Protein backbone atom coordinates (compact mmCIF):
# COMPACT_ATOMS: atom_id res chain seq x y z
CA MET A 1 14.93 48.60 -27.74
CA LYS A 2 13.99 50.08 -30.61
CA VAL A 3 10.06 50.71 -29.17
CA PHE A 4 11.87 52.30 -26.47
CA GLY A 5 13.86 54.62 -28.79
CA ILE A 6 10.64 55.83 -31.07
CA ILE A 7 8.54 56.28 -27.68
CA LEU A 8 11.33 58.32 -26.30
CA ILE A 9 11.19 60.50 -29.70
CA VAL A 10 7.42 60.79 -29.78
CA PHE A 11 7.96 62.05 -26.31
CA GLY A 12 10.71 64.88 -27.25
CA VAL A 13 8.61 65.66 -30.02
CA ILE A 14 5.77 66.34 -27.90
CA ALA A 15 7.55 67.92 -25.02
CA LEU A 16 9.48 70.50 -27.26
CA VAL A 17 5.88 71.66 -29.09
CA TYR A 18 3.70 72.08 -25.43
CA GLN A 19 6.80 72.81 -23.30
CA GLY A 20 4.09 71.84 -20.61
CA VAL A 21 1.50 70.11 -19.15
CA THR A 22 -1.94 72.12 -18.29
CA PHE A 23 -4.65 70.57 -16.13
CA LEU A 24 -7.90 71.87 -14.05
CA VAL A 25 -8.93 71.40 -10.49
CA PRO A 26 -12.23 71.89 -9.42
CA ASN A 27 -12.50 73.66 -5.98
CA THR A 28 -16.74 73.67 -4.97
CA THR A 29 -17.92 76.04 -2.17
CA ASP A 30 -21.65 75.92 -0.68
CA LEU A 31 -22.68 78.93 0.69
CA GLY A 32 -25.99 77.88 2.50
CA PHE A 33 -28.45 77.86 -1.08
CA PHE A 34 -25.53 78.50 -3.74
CA SER A 35 -23.20 75.99 -4.47
CA ILE A 36 -20.06 77.92 -6.38
CA THR A 37 -17.57 75.62 -8.34
CA VAL A 38 -14.87 77.11 -9.18
CA SER A 39 -11.73 75.63 -11.99
CA GLU A 40 -7.83 76.33 -10.90
CA GLN A 41 -5.35 76.38 -13.74
CA HIS A 42 -2.57 74.32 -12.62
CA THR A 43 0.40 74.23 -15.03
CA ILE A 44 3.60 71.59 -14.94
CA PRO A 45 6.04 73.21 -16.91
CA LEU A 46 9.10 70.95 -19.17
CA PRO A 47 11.76 72.43 -20.08
CA PRO A 48 13.07 72.23 -23.58
CA ILE A 49 16.47 70.59 -22.35
CA VAL A 50 14.33 67.59 -21.67
CA GLY A 51 12.55 67.39 -24.77
CA ALA A 52 16.14 67.57 -26.53
CA VAL A 53 17.69 65.19 -24.53
CA SER A 54 14.49 62.71 -25.00
CA LEU A 55 14.76 63.24 -29.05
CA ALA A 56 18.77 62.81 -29.05
CA ALA A 57 18.19 59.27 -26.59
CA GLY A 58 15.01 57.52 -28.45
CA ILE A 59 17.17 58.73 -32.16
CA ALA A 60 20.68 57.09 -30.83
CA LEU A 61 18.50 54.11 -29.24
CA VAL A 62 16.96 53.73 -32.80
CA LEU A 63 20.39 53.45 -34.71
CA THR A 64 22.20 51.32 -33.23
CA SER A 65 19.37 49.05 -32.30
CA ARG A 66 19.78 49.17 -36.54
CA ARG A 67 23.44 48.75 -36.55
CA GLY A 68 23.35 45.73 -34.03
CA LYS A 69 20.98 43.62 -36.44
CA GLN A 70 23.90 43.89 -39.45
């Protein structure tokens, strides 16, 4: 559980810093002798609450796994 908690903490920090994922999708159009390629930018937003909840859950998992071994 400790490893899963660390993964959640890392994901939470990344989600709070970047607040979204941006990627490019290439579109190609053929016009006879010419070929035009245009890249469209798409963004998947991540609300800050996702990062905060992930961070809190990860911290809770790490702390509870540490207490269970004592």
